[in-house]
N, C-alpha and C. Protein backbone atom coordinates (compact mmCIF):
# COMPACT_ATOMS: atom_id res chain seq x y z
N MET A 1 0.97 -1.39 0.16
CA MET A 1 -0.21 -0.17 -0.04
C MET A 1 0.98 1.42 0.09
N GLY A 2 1.65 1.21 -1.14
CA GLY A 2 2.86 2.57 -1.07
C GLY A 2 1.90 3.70 -1.27
N VAL A 3 0.87 3.28 -2.04
CA VAL A 3 0.06 4.83 -1.83
C VAL A 3 -0.49 5.55 -0.85
N ALA A 4 -0.24 4.66 0.23
CA ALA A 4 -1.31 4.96 1.42
C ALA A 4 0.17 5.75 2.41
N GLY A 5 1.34 6.04 2.04
CA GLY A 5 2.33 6.66 2.32
C GLY A 5 3.35 5.68 2.85
N PRO A 6 4.79 6.18 3.60
CA PRO A 6 5.52 5.19 3.75
C PRO A 6 5.01 4.25 5.05
N GLU A 7 4.74 4.94 6.05
CA GLU A 7 4.38 4.55 7.46
C GLU A 7 3.27 2.86 7.11
N VAL A 8 2.57 3.20 6.43
CA VAL A 8 1.44 2.64 6.32
C VAL A 8 2.08 1.17 5.26
N SER A 9 2.77 1.61 4.33
CA SER A 9 3.21 0.77 3.81
C SER A 9 4.82 -0.38 4.07
N LYS A 10 4.97 0.59 5.20
CA LYS A 10 5.93 -0.31 6.44
C LYS A 10 5.16 -1.08 6.81
N ALA A 11 3.99 -1.19 7.09
CA ALA A 11 2.98 -2.13 8.31
C ALA A 11 2.79 -2.95 7.56
N VAL A 12 2.58 -2.76 6.30
CA VAL A 12 1.94 -3.89 5.37
C VAL A 12 2.95 -4.59 5.00
N ARG A 13 3.95 -4.20 4.68
CA ARG A 13 4.93 -5.00 4.21
C ARG A 13 4.93 -5.76 5.52
N GLN A 14 5.46 -5.44 6.54
CA GLN A 14 5.86 -6.47 7.80
C GLN A 14 4.63 -7.24 8.16
N MET A 15 3.46 -7.11 7.63
CA MET A 15 2.59 -8.11 8.11
C MET A 15 2.91 -9.04 6.91
N VAL A 16 2.78 -8.89 5.65
CA VAL A 16 2.85 -9.68 4.61
C VAL A 16 4.65 -10.56 4.91
N GLU A 17 5.37 -9.88 5.29
CA GLU A 17 6.62 -10.75 5.30
C GLU A 17 6.59 -11.59 6.73
N SER A 18 5.83 -11.16 7.96
CA SER A 18 5.51 -12.27 8.88
C SER A 18 4.93 -13.15 8.89
N ARG A 19 4.40 -13.22 7.68
CA ARG A 19 3.71 -14.56 7.47
C ARG A 19 4.56 -15.47 6.35
N GLY A 20 5.79 -15.45 6.27
CA GLY A 20 6.68 -15.84 5.16
C GLY A 20 6.71 -15.76 3.74
N ILE A 21 6.20 -14.69 3.56
CA ILE A 21 6.03 -14.34 2.14
C ILE A 21 6.73 -13.57 1.42
N ALA A 22 7.53 -13.51 0.57
CA ALA A 22 8.37 -12.88 0.24
C ALA A 22 7.82 -11.30 -0.92
N TYR A 23 8.51 -10.44 -0.54
CA TYR A 23 7.67 -8.99 -1.26
C TYR A 23 9.54 -8.73 -2.11
N HIS A 24 8.64 -8.62 -3.27
CA HIS A 24 10.06 -8.15 -4.56
C HIS A 24 9.37 -7.05 -5.17
N PRO A 25 9.67 -5.61 -4.51
CA PRO A 25 9.18 -4.45 -5.02
C PRO A 25 9.90 -4.28 -6.05
N GLN A 26 9.68 -3.57 -7.33
CA GLN A 26 10.37 -2.93 -8.20
C GLN A 26 11.05 -4.09 -9.11
N HIS A 27 10.15 -5.30 -9.22
CA HIS A 27 10.93 -6.23 -10.09
C HIS A 27 9.66 -6.61 -11.05
N GLN A 28 10.19 -6.34 -12.67
CA GLN A 28 9.11 -6.97 -13.23
C GLN A 28 9.07 -7.76 -13.68
N VAL A 29 8.38 -8.77 -13.61
CA VAL A 29 8.23 -10.78 -13.77
C VAL A 29 8.56 -10.03 -15.73
N THR A 30 9.36 -11.23 -16.14
CA THR A 30 9.39 -11.26 -17.37
C THR A 30 9.09 -13.09 -18.27
N ALA A 31 9.08 -13.72 -16.80
CA ALA A 31 8.63 -15.10 -17.05
C ALA A 31 8.26 -15.58 -16.02
N VAL A 32 7.43 -16.91 -16.49
CA VAL A 32 6.65 -17.74 -15.51
C VAL A 32 6.93 -19.22 -15.46
N ALA A 33 7.66 -19.64 -15.19
CA ALA A 33 7.67 -21.39 -15.23
C ALA A 33 7.23 -21.80 -14.23
N VAL A 34 5.58 -22.33 -14.97
CA VAL A 34 4.62 -22.61 -14.54
C VAL A 34 5.07 -24.11 -13.40
N ARG A 35 5.52 -25.39 -14.19
CA ARG A 35 6.16 -26.08 -13.57
C ARG A 35 7.03 -26.42 -12.57
N GLU A 36 7.70 -25.52 -12.91
CA GLU A 36 8.89 -25.33 -11.78
C GLU A 36 8.28 -23.88 -10.57
N ARG A 37 7.92 -23.54 -10.90
CA ARG A 37 7.14 -22.59 -9.90
C ARG A 37 8.61 -21.34 -9.86
N ARG A 38 8.90 -20.51 -10.42
CA ARG A 38 9.65 -20.21 -10.69
C ARG A 38 9.44 -18.83 -11.50
N LEU A 39 9.91 -17.68 -10.72
CA LEU A 39 9.61 -16.16 -11.68
C LEU A 39 11.06 -15.50 -12.08
N SER A 40 10.92 -15.08 -13.35
CA SER A 40 12.14 -14.58 -13.49
C SER A 40 11.52 -13.43 -13.57
N PHE A 41 12.56 -12.05 -13.16
CA PHE A 41 12.49 -10.67 -13.39
C PHE A 41 13.24 -10.08 -14.17
N ALA A 42 13.17 -8.61 -14.90
CA ALA A 42 13.89 -8.18 -15.61
C ALA A 42 15.48 -7.87 -15.62
N ASN A 43 15.08 -7.72 -13.99
CA ASN A 43 16.73 -7.52 -13.43
C ASN A 43 17.64 -8.62 -13.44
N GLY A 44 17.14 -9.49 -14.01
CA GLY A 44 18.12 -11.18 -14.21
C GLY A 44 17.92 -11.75 -12.95
N SER A 45 17.26 -11.22 -11.93
CA SER A 45 17.00 -12.40 -10.41
C SER A 45 15.68 -12.75 -10.81
N SER A 46 15.50 -14.17 -10.16
CA SER A 46 14.53 -14.88 -9.71
C SER A 46 13.88 -14.92 -8.56
N ALA A 47 12.81 -15.88 -8.54
CA ALA A 47 12.21 -16.22 -7.41
C ALA A 47 11.28 -17.41 -7.30
N ASP A 48 11.32 -18.02 -6.13
CA ASP A 48 10.04 -19.23 -6.57
C ASP A 48 9.08 -18.89 -5.58
N PHE A 49 7.84 -19.71 -6.08
CA PHE A 49 6.51 -19.20 -5.39
C PHE A 49 5.70 -20.47 -5.69
N ASP A 50 4.64 -20.52 -4.07
CA ASP A 50 4.19 -21.67 -3.97
C ASP A 50 2.75 -21.29 -4.37
N LEU A 51 1.77 -20.13 -4.34
CA LEU A 51 1.12 -19.61 -4.83
C LEU A 51 1.10 -18.13 -5.76
N LEU A 52 0.40 -17.90 -6.90
CA LEU A 52 1.34 -16.87 -7.70
C LEU A 52 -0.42 -16.23 -8.24
N ALA A 53 -0.75 -14.94 -7.72
CA ALA A 53 -1.75 -14.35 -8.39
C ALA A 53 -0.71 -13.21 -8.74
N TYR A 54 -1.22 -13.00 -10.10
CA TYR A 54 -0.42 -12.00 -10.89
C TYR A 54 -1.56 -11.34 -11.22
N VAL A 55 -1.63 -9.89 -11.45
CA VAL A 55 -2.33 -9.12 -12.77
C VAL A 55 -1.47 -8.66 -13.60
N PRO A 56 -1.90 -9.26 -14.85
CA PRO A 56 -1.70 -8.52 -16.40
C PRO A 56 -1.70 -7.16 -16.02
N PRO A 57 -0.89 -6.57 -16.82
CA PRO A 57 -0.84 -5.15 -17.57
C PRO A 57 -2.28 -4.47 -17.19
N HIS A 58 -2.66 -3.46 -16.66
CA HIS A 58 -3.64 -2.82 -16.76
C HIS A 58 -3.66 -1.57 -17.81
N ARG A 59 -4.83 -1.71 -18.27
CA ARG A 59 -4.75 -0.47 -19.50
C ARG A 59 -6.43 0.00 -19.66
N ALA A 60 -6.61 1.30 -20.09
CA ALA A 60 -7.71 1.95 -20.60
C ALA A 60 -8.50 0.92 -21.52
N PRO A 61 -9.97 0.67 -21.34
CA PRO A 61 -10.18 -0.01 -22.36
C PRO A 61 -10.05 0.89 -23.81
N ARG A 62 -10.54 -0.08 -24.64
CA ARG A 62 -10.04 0.10 -26.69
C ARG A 62 -11.23 1.52 -26.80
N VAL A 63 -12.80 1.33 -26.43
CA VAL A 63 -13.34 2.59 -26.83
C VAL A 63 -12.96 3.53 -25.88
N VAL A 64 -12.62 3.79 -24.78
CA VAL A 64 -11.93 5.15 -24.34
C VAL A 64 -10.54 5.72 -24.71
N ARG A 65 -9.62 4.61 -25.50
CA ARG A 65 -8.62 5.24 -26.14
C ARG A 65 -9.09 5.65 -27.64
N GLU A 66 -9.65 4.74 -28.06
CA GLU A 66 -9.88 5.35 -29.24
C GLU A 66 -10.98 6.79 -29.25
N ALA A 67 -11.78 6.95 -28.14
CA ALA A 67 -12.64 8.42 -28.08
C ALA A 67 -11.96 9.57 -28.19
N GLY A 68 -10.05 9.35 -27.93
CA GLY A 68 -9.57 10.66 -27.35
C GLY A 68 -9.48 10.61 -25.76
N LEU A 69 -10.00 10.10 -25.11
CA LEU A 69 -10.70 10.84 -23.80
C LEU A 69 -8.46 10.45 -22.94
N LEU A 70 -7.84 9.78 -23.69
CA LEU A 70 -6.27 9.76 -22.73
C LEU A 70 -5.50 11.03 -22.00
N GLY A 71 -5.28 10.94 -21.09
CA GLY A 71 -4.20 11.56 -20.65
C GLY A 71 -2.58 11.14 -20.89
N ASP A 72 -1.88 11.86 -20.65
CA ASP A 72 -0.45 11.32 -20.83
C ASP A 72 0.15 10.14 -19.91
N SER A 73 -0.99 9.38 -18.67
CA SER A 73 -1.10 8.63 -18.04
C SER A 73 -1.36 7.45 -18.80
N GLY A 74 -2.09 7.77 -19.88
CA GLY A 74 -3.01 6.71 -20.08
C GLY A 74 -3.62 6.14 -19.81
N TRP A 75 -4.81 6.73 -18.72
CA TRP A 75 -5.86 7.08 -18.44
C TRP A 75 -6.70 8.51 -18.52
N VAL A 76 -7.87 8.34 -18.34
CA VAL A 76 -8.80 9.54 -18.36
C VAL A 76 -8.29 10.66 -17.05
N ALA A 77 -7.88 12.19 -18.15
CA ALA A 77 -7.53 12.59 -16.75
C ALA A 77 -8.21 13.82 -16.46
N VAL A 78 -8.94 13.78 -14.96
CA VAL A 78 -9.95 14.51 -14.25
C VAL A 78 -9.81 15.54 -13.58
N ASP A 79 -10.83 16.30 -13.59
CA ASP A 79 -10.59 17.40 -12.33
C ASP A 79 -10.66 16.55 -11.17
N ARG A 80 -9.50 16.41 -9.69
CA ARG A 80 -9.76 15.58 -9.01
C ARG A 80 -10.86 15.56 -7.98
N TYR A 81 -11.27 16.98 -8.13
CA TYR A 81 -12.81 17.42 -7.21
C TYR A 81 -13.84 16.88 -7.36
N GLY A 82 -13.83 17.35 -9.32
CA GLY A 82 -15.12 17.08 -9.87
C GLY A 82 -15.73 16.54 -10.32
N MET A 83 -14.15 15.38 -10.93
CA MET A 83 -14.62 13.88 -11.93
C MET A 83 -14.82 14.82 -13.45
N GLU A 84 -14.67 15.92 -13.82
CA GLU A 84 -15.40 16.45 -15.10
C GLU A 84 -13.71 16.41 -16.11
N THR A 85 -13.97 15.56 -17.31
CA THR A 85 -12.48 15.15 -18.03
C THR A 85 -12.37 16.94 -18.67
N GLY A 86 -11.56 17.28 -19.48
CA GLY A 86 -10.88 18.20 -20.29
C GLY A 86 -12.23 18.88 -21.12
N PHE A 87 -13.01 17.32 -21.43
CA PHE A 87 -13.99 18.18 -22.24
C PHE A 87 -15.02 18.51 -21.40
N PRO A 88 -15.80 20.01 -21.54
CA PRO A 88 -16.91 20.51 -20.83
C PRO A 88 -18.14 19.43 -20.80
N GLY A 89 -18.65 18.81 -19.44
CA GLY A 89 -20.16 18.20 -19.38
C GLY A 89 -19.25 16.51 -19.73
N VAL A 90 -18.20 16.26 -19.66
CA VAL A 90 -18.17 14.68 -20.07
C VAL A 90 -17.29 14.46 -18.48
N TYR A 91 -17.86 13.54 -17.78
CA TYR A 91 -17.02 13.04 -16.43
C TYR A 91 -16.61 12.12 -16.50
N ALA A 92 -15.67 11.31 -15.89
CA ALA A 92 -15.16 9.92 -16.36
C ALA A 92 -15.02 9.49 -14.62
N ILE A 93 -15.24 8.38 -13.92
CA ILE A 93 -14.89 7.90 -12.83
C ILE A 93 -14.44 6.31 -12.69
N GLY A 94 -13.76 6.29 -11.68
CA GLY A 94 -13.55 4.53 -10.96
C GLY A 94 -11.78 4.42 -11.78
N ASP A 95 -12.37 2.59 -12.44
CA ASP A 95 -10.53 2.50 -13.08
C ASP A 95 -10.27 3.00 -14.19
N VAL A 96 -11.30 3.73 -15.13
CA VAL A 96 -10.32 4.27 -16.10
C VAL A 96 -9.93 6.30 -15.80
N VAL A 97 -9.94 6.33 -14.62
CA VAL A 97 -9.49 7.33 -14.22
C VAL A 97 -7.92 7.30 -13.98
N SER A 98 -7.06 8.43 -13.79
CA SER A 98 -5.75 8.65 -13.50
C SER A 98 -5.95 9.90 -12.80
N ILE A 99 -5.68 9.88 -10.95
CA ILE A 99 -6.08 11.22 -9.97
C ILE A 99 -4.33 10.99 -9.20
N PRO A 100 -3.15 12.09 -10.01
CA PRO A 100 -2.06 11.74 -9.05
C PRO A 100 -2.18 12.49 -7.85
N LEU A 101 -1.48 11.59 -6.87
CA LEU A 101 -1.34 11.96 -6.00
C LEU A 101 0.02 12.62 -4.99
N SER A 102 -0.33 13.14 -4.16
CA SER A 102 1.40 14.26 -3.86
C SER A 102 2.42 13.64 -3.71
N LEU A 103 2.32 12.11 -3.59
CA LEU A 103 3.61 11.34 -3.43
C LEU A 103 3.73 10.39 -4.90
N GLY A 104 3.31 10.73 -5.39
CA GLY A 104 3.67 10.63 -7.01
C GLY A 104 2.79 9.18 -7.62
N LYS A 105 2.11 8.73 -6.69
CA LYS A 105 1.73 7.51 -7.37
C LYS A 105 0.00 7.73 -7.79
N PRO A 106 -0.88 7.23 -7.97
CA PRO A 106 -2.07 7.40 -8.31
C PRO A 106 -3.21 6.90 -7.20
N LEU A 107 -4.46 7.62 -7.46
CA LEU A 107 -5.31 7.33 -6.33
C LEU A 107 -5.25 5.99 -6.05
N PRO A 108 -5.61 5.22 -5.41
CA PRO A 108 -5.87 3.58 -5.95
C PRO A 108 -7.51 3.39 -6.78
N LYS A 109 -7.32 2.33 -7.60
CA LYS A 109 -8.11 2.45 -8.49
C LYS A 109 -9.37 1.24 -7.83
N ALA A 110 -10.10 1.29 -6.89
CA ALA A 110 -10.82 0.66 -5.94
C ALA A 110 -12.48 0.93 -6.07
N GLY A 111 -13.03 0.05 -5.53
CA GLY A 111 -14.89 0.09 -5.30
C GLY A 111 -14.99 1.47 -4.57
N VAL A 112 -14.37 1.81 -3.32
CA VAL A 112 -14.55 2.47 -2.28
C VAL A 112 -14.34 3.99 -2.99
N PHE A 113 -13.57 4.20 -3.94
CA PHE A 113 -13.00 5.32 -4.45
C PHE A 113 -14.19 5.59 -5.93
N ALA A 114 -14.55 4.70 -6.48
CA ALA A 114 -15.33 4.89 -7.74
C ALA A 114 -16.38 5.43 -7.12
N GLU A 115 -17.17 5.06 -6.06
CA GLU A 115 -18.37 5.17 -5.54
C GLU A 115 -18.45 6.59 -4.95
N GLY A 116 -17.41 7.05 -4.50
CA GLY A 116 -17.38 8.29 -3.93
C GLY A 116 -17.49 9.39 -5.23
N GLN A 117 -16.57 8.76 -6.37
CA GLN A 117 -16.64 9.56 -7.29
C GLN A 117 -17.76 9.63 -8.35
N ALA A 118 -18.50 8.38 -8.35
CA ALA A 118 -20.28 8.69 -8.97
C ALA A 118 -20.92 9.48 -8.69
N ARG A 119 -20.99 9.49 -6.96
CA ARG A 119 -21.82 10.26 -6.17
C ARG A 119 -21.78 11.52 -6.76
N VAL A 120 -20.05 11.86 -6.51
CA VAL A 120 -20.09 13.29 -6.95
C VAL A 120 -20.49 13.61 -8.54
N ALA A 121 -19.87 12.74 -9.05
CA ALA A 121 -20.12 12.81 -10.88
C ALA A 121 -21.62 13.20 -11.21
N ALA A 122 -22.42 12.43 -10.56
CA ALA A 122 -23.76 12.42 -10.54
C ALA A 122 -24.52 13.53 -10.49
N ARG A 123 -24.28 14.04 -8.98
CA ARG A 123 -24.35 15.66 -8.49
C ARG A 123 -24.39 16.72 -9.09
N ASN A 124 -23.17 16.49 -9.89
CA ASN A 124 -22.47 17.52 -10.68
C ASN A 124 -23.39 17.64 -12.12
N ILE A 125 -23.91 16.76 -12.90
CA ILE A 125 -24.28 16.20 -14.04
C ILE A 125 -25.92 17.30 -13.59
N VAL A 126 -26.35 16.27 -12.90
CA VAL A 126 -27.69 16.88 -12.04
C VAL A 126 -27.56 18.72 -11.93
N SER A 127 -26.81 19.01 -11.19
CA SER A 127 -26.50 20.41 -11.17
C SER A 127 -26.59 21.25 -12.61
N ALA A 128 -25.74 20.75 -13.10
CA ALA A 128 -25.38 21.31 -14.31
C ALA A 128 -26.95 21.45 -15.62
N ILE A 129 -27.50 20.22 -15.50
CA ILE A 129 -28.48 20.00 -16.13
C ILE A 129 -29.61 21.27 -15.73
N ARG A 130 -29.70 21.63 -14.37
CA ARG A 130 -30.55 21.93 -13.75
C ARG A 130 -30.09 23.69 -13.96
N GLY A 131 -28.59 23.79 -14.14
CA GLY A 131 -28.24 25.06 -14.10
C GLY A 131 -28.24 25.88 -12.72
N ASN A 132 -28.36 25.07 -11.68
CA ASN A 132 -28.37 25.55 -10.38
C ASN A 132 -27.50 24.86 -9.22
N GLY A 133 -27.47 24.86 -8.22
CA GLY A 133 -26.25 24.37 -7.16
C GLY A 133 -25.30 24.60 -6.94
N GLU A 134 -24.48 24.43 -5.86
CA GLU A 134 -22.78 24.20 -5.95
C GLU A 134 -21.99 22.62 -6.14
N ALA A 135 -20.97 23.28 -7.02
CA ALA A 135 -20.51 21.86 -7.29
C ALA A 135 -20.18 20.91 -6.14
N SER A 136 -20.48 19.90 -6.62
CA SER A 136 -19.99 18.66 -5.63
C SER A 136 -18.75 18.12 -5.76
N ARG A 137 -17.64 17.73 -4.67
CA ARG A 137 -16.58 17.58 -4.67
C ARG A 137 -15.88 16.98 -3.84
N PHE A 138 -15.45 15.61 -4.53
CA PHE A 138 -14.85 14.34 -3.97
C PHE A 138 -13.85 14.71 -3.38
N ASP A 139 -13.60 13.97 -2.04
CA ASP A 139 -12.81 14.36 -0.60
C ASP A 139 -11.52 13.57 -0.82
N GLY A 140 -11.53 12.67 -1.84
CA GLY A 140 -10.13 11.67 -1.62
C GLY A 140 -10.19 10.91 0.23
N HIS A 141 -11.08 10.45 0.43
CA HIS A 141 -10.91 9.64 1.20
C HIS A 141 -11.80 8.07 0.94
N GLY A 142 -10.98 7.43 1.70
CA GLY A 142 -11.36 5.72 1.29
C GLY A 142 -10.96 4.99 2.39
N GLU A 143 -11.52 3.23 2.27
CA GLU A 143 -10.91 2.37 3.08
C GLU A 143 -10.69 1.24 2.09
N CYS A 144 -9.80 0.45 3.06
CA CYS A 144 -9.68 -0.64 2.44
C CYS A 144 -9.90 -1.82 3.75
N PHE A 145 -9.82 -3.01 3.19
CA PHE A 145 -9.82 -4.28 4.29
C PHE A 145 -8.27 -4.69 3.88
N ILE A 146 -7.58 -5.49 5.06
CA ILE A 146 -6.93 -6.27 4.39
C ILE A 146 -6.50 -7.25 5.22
N GLU A 147 -6.84 -8.54 4.13
CA GLU A 147 -7.18 -9.70 4.89
C GLU A 147 -5.99 -10.21 4.86
N ALA A 148 -5.97 -10.98 6.26
CA ALA A 148 -4.53 -11.33 7.07
C ALA A 148 -4.19 -12.96 7.03
N GLY A 149 -5.64 -13.53 7.09
CA GLY A 149 -5.78 -14.78 7.17
C GLY A 149 -5.93 -14.94 8.92
N GLY A 150 -6.51 -16.83 9.06
CA GLY A 150 -6.99 -17.00 10.47
C GLY A 150 -8.43 -16.59 9.90
N ARG A 151 -9.02 -15.84 9.70
CA ARG A 151 -10.60 -14.83 9.83
C ARG A 151 -10.37 -13.69 10.72
N ARG A 152 -9.31 -13.34 10.25
CA ARG A 152 -8.53 -11.45 11.23
C ARG A 152 -8.28 -10.38 9.41
N ALA A 153 -8.60 -9.58 9.64
CA ALA A 153 -8.07 -8.91 8.65
C ALA A 153 -7.86 -7.54 9.21
N GLY A 154 -6.99 -6.98 8.43
CA GLY A 154 -6.68 -4.93 9.00
C GLY A 154 -7.65 -4.34 8.16
N MET A 155 -7.34 -2.67 8.32
CA MET A 155 -8.20 -2.02 7.60
C MET A 155 -7.28 -0.77 7.89
N GLY A 156 -7.51 0.03 6.26
CA GLY A 156 -6.56 1.09 6.56
C GLY A 156 -7.69 2.26 5.92
N ARG A 157 -8.00 3.37 7.03
CA ARG A 157 -8.82 4.44 6.62
C ARG A 157 -7.79 5.33 6.38
N GLY A 158 -8.66 6.62 5.63
CA GLY A 158 -7.98 7.84 5.73
C GLY A 158 -8.40 8.91 4.36
N ASN A 159 -7.56 9.98 4.62
CA ASN A 159 -7.59 10.84 3.79
C ASN A 159 -6.19 11.13 2.42
N PHE A 160 -6.69 10.52 1.05
CA PHE A 160 -5.59 9.71 0.06
C PHE A 160 -5.23 11.87 -0.44
N TYR A 161 -6.07 12.22 -0.47
CA TYR A 161 -5.32 13.33 -1.13
C TYR A 161 -4.79 14.64 0.17
N ALA A 162 -4.82 14.19 1.16
CA ALA A 162 -3.73 14.93 2.67
C ALA A 162 -2.62 15.49 1.79
N GLU A 163 -1.85 16.32 2.28
CA GLU A 163 -0.40 17.09 1.41
C GLU A 163 0.31 17.21 3.11
N PRO A 164 1.48 17.17 2.72
CA PRO A 164 2.30 16.47 2.02
C PRO A 164 2.23 14.77 1.45
N LEU A 165 1.65 14.00 2.21
CA LEU A 165 1.35 12.69 2.33
C LEU A 165 0.04 12.33 2.36
N PRO A 166 -0.65 11.37 1.97
CA PRO A 166 -1.97 10.58 2.54
C PRO A 166 -1.74 10.54 3.85
N MET A 167 -2.96 10.63 4.81
CA MET A 167 -3.30 10.87 6.04
C MET A 167 -4.35 9.44 6.52
N VAL A 168 -3.45 7.89 6.46
CA VAL A 168 -4.13 7.09 6.23
C VAL A 168 -3.49 6.28 7.55
N GLN A 169 -4.61 5.46 8.34
CA GLN A 169 -4.49 5.14 9.55
C GLN A 169 -4.56 3.58 9.01
N LEU A 170 -3.89 2.86 9.30
CA LEU A 170 -4.14 1.34 9.46
C LEU A 170 -4.10 0.93 10.65
N PHE A 171 -5.34 -0.37 11.10
CA PHE A 171 -5.82 -0.96 12.14
C PHE A 171 -5.02 -2.11 11.99
N PRO A 172 -4.58 -2.67 12.87
CA PRO A 172 -4.20 -3.99 13.07
C PRO A 172 -4.61 -5.19 12.88
N PRO A 173 -4.55 -6.47 11.68
CA PRO A 173 -5.45 -7.41 11.82
C PRO A 173 -6.48 -8.05 13.56
N ALA A 174 -7.36 -8.18 13.00
CA ALA A 174 -8.77 -8.10 14.30
C ALA A 174 -9.33 -9.22 13.36
N ARG A 175 -10.04 -10.10 14.42
CA ARG A 175 -11.38 -10.26 14.26
C ARG A 175 -12.64 -9.41 13.83
N ARG A 176 -12.63 -8.65 14.52
CA ARG A 176 -13.36 -7.25 14.03
C ARG A 176 -13.29 -6.67 12.60
N TRP A 177 -12.21 -6.68 12.35
CA TRP A 177 -12.47 -6.18 10.92
C TRP A 177 -12.79 -7.21 9.42
N HIS A 178 -12.11 -8.45 10.29
CA HIS A 178 -12.47 -9.61 9.30
C HIS A 178 -14.04 -9.58 9.01
N LEU A 179 -14.61 -9.61 10.26
CA LEU A 179 -16.47 -9.74 10.36
C LEU A 179 -16.59 -8.75 9.71
N SER A 180 -16.38 -7.45 9.71
CA SER A 180 -16.60 -6.30 9.12
C SER A 180 -16.91 -6.43 7.83
N LYS A 181 -15.45 -6.80 7.29
CA LYS A 181 -15.64 -7.02 5.77
C LYS A 181 -16.55 -7.81 5.22
N VAL A 182 -16.30 -8.89 5.89
CA VAL A 182 -17.63 -10.00 5.21
C VAL A 182 -18.67 -9.44 5.94
N LEU A 183 -19.58 -8.69 6.19
CA LEU A 183 -20.73 -8.12 6.56
C LEU A 183 -20.68 -7.22 5.35
N PHE A 184 -19.34 -5.88 4.99
CA PHE A 184 -19.64 -5.36 3.65
C PHE A 184 -20.05 -5.70 2.57
N GLU A 185 -19.28 -7.03 2.05
CA GLU A 185 -19.30 -7.55 1.21
C GLU A 185 -20.84 -8.22 1.16
N LYS A 186 -21.46 -8.90 2.02
CA LYS A 186 -22.72 -8.83 2.33
C LYS A 186 -23.57 -7.50 1.72
N TYR A 187 -23.91 -6.76 2.49
CA TYR A 187 -24.68 -5.75 1.98
C TYR A 187 -24.14 -5.15 0.59
N TRP A 188 -22.86 -4.87 0.29
CA TRP A 188 -22.67 -4.57 -1.31
C TRP A 188 -23.39 -5.38 -2.04
N LEU A 189 -23.27 -6.85 -1.67
CA LEU A 189 -23.69 -7.66 -3.16
C LEU A 189 -25.67 -7.46 -3.02
N TRP A 190 -25.70 -7.67 -1.84
CA TRP A 190 -27.13 -7.03 -1.77
C TRP A 190 -27.81 -6.14 -2.36
N ARG A 191 -26.93 -4.73 -1.66
CA ARG A 191 -27.27 -3.71 -2.09
C ARG A 191 -27.33 -2.93 -3.83
N TRP A 192 -26.55 -3.98 -4.63
CA TRP A 192 -26.19 -3.55 -6.25
C TRP A 192 -26.72 -4.88 -6.82
N PHE A 193 -26.95 -5.66 -6.42
CA PHE A 193 -27.09 -6.75 -7.27
C PHE A 193 -28.33 -7.91 -6.39
């Protein structure tokens, strides 16, 4: 969770490594030998793995790329508070946007942020149609659960827009956070599906 600042990042790394999980920052995977359970990295090093959860390169959908909405980051650039793109009356939210933070990383592409952005964009669209009302602003607040195993989870919560660094508090793994995560998932699925 480097995006949450150096203190939170260090605490999460300690949680991972305390479980015997190797952490390889800044290592671009170039090859996966499935039978040998071995990763090769661009810097020439390698590592063995027991379980590999690999996320392939993430990019904006073709329709968004072809619409000419992408900024220099390869994602849609928006006003970080109002969610409007450089095209008046066009808004973007969620995984397709890139909102740079003060520490040089983008706001995470997470549902909690997408939901907050959607509320702001919807209010601003309604306000624009009606021609009245004060603009709604996304404040950069969010949270996420950090599953730790053994029916325990941690929680990171705070203001990712804070300056000079995000102000995110990390609550250590506990059963109550795991239960909160399970209840949140059930509520989310019930509410939206």
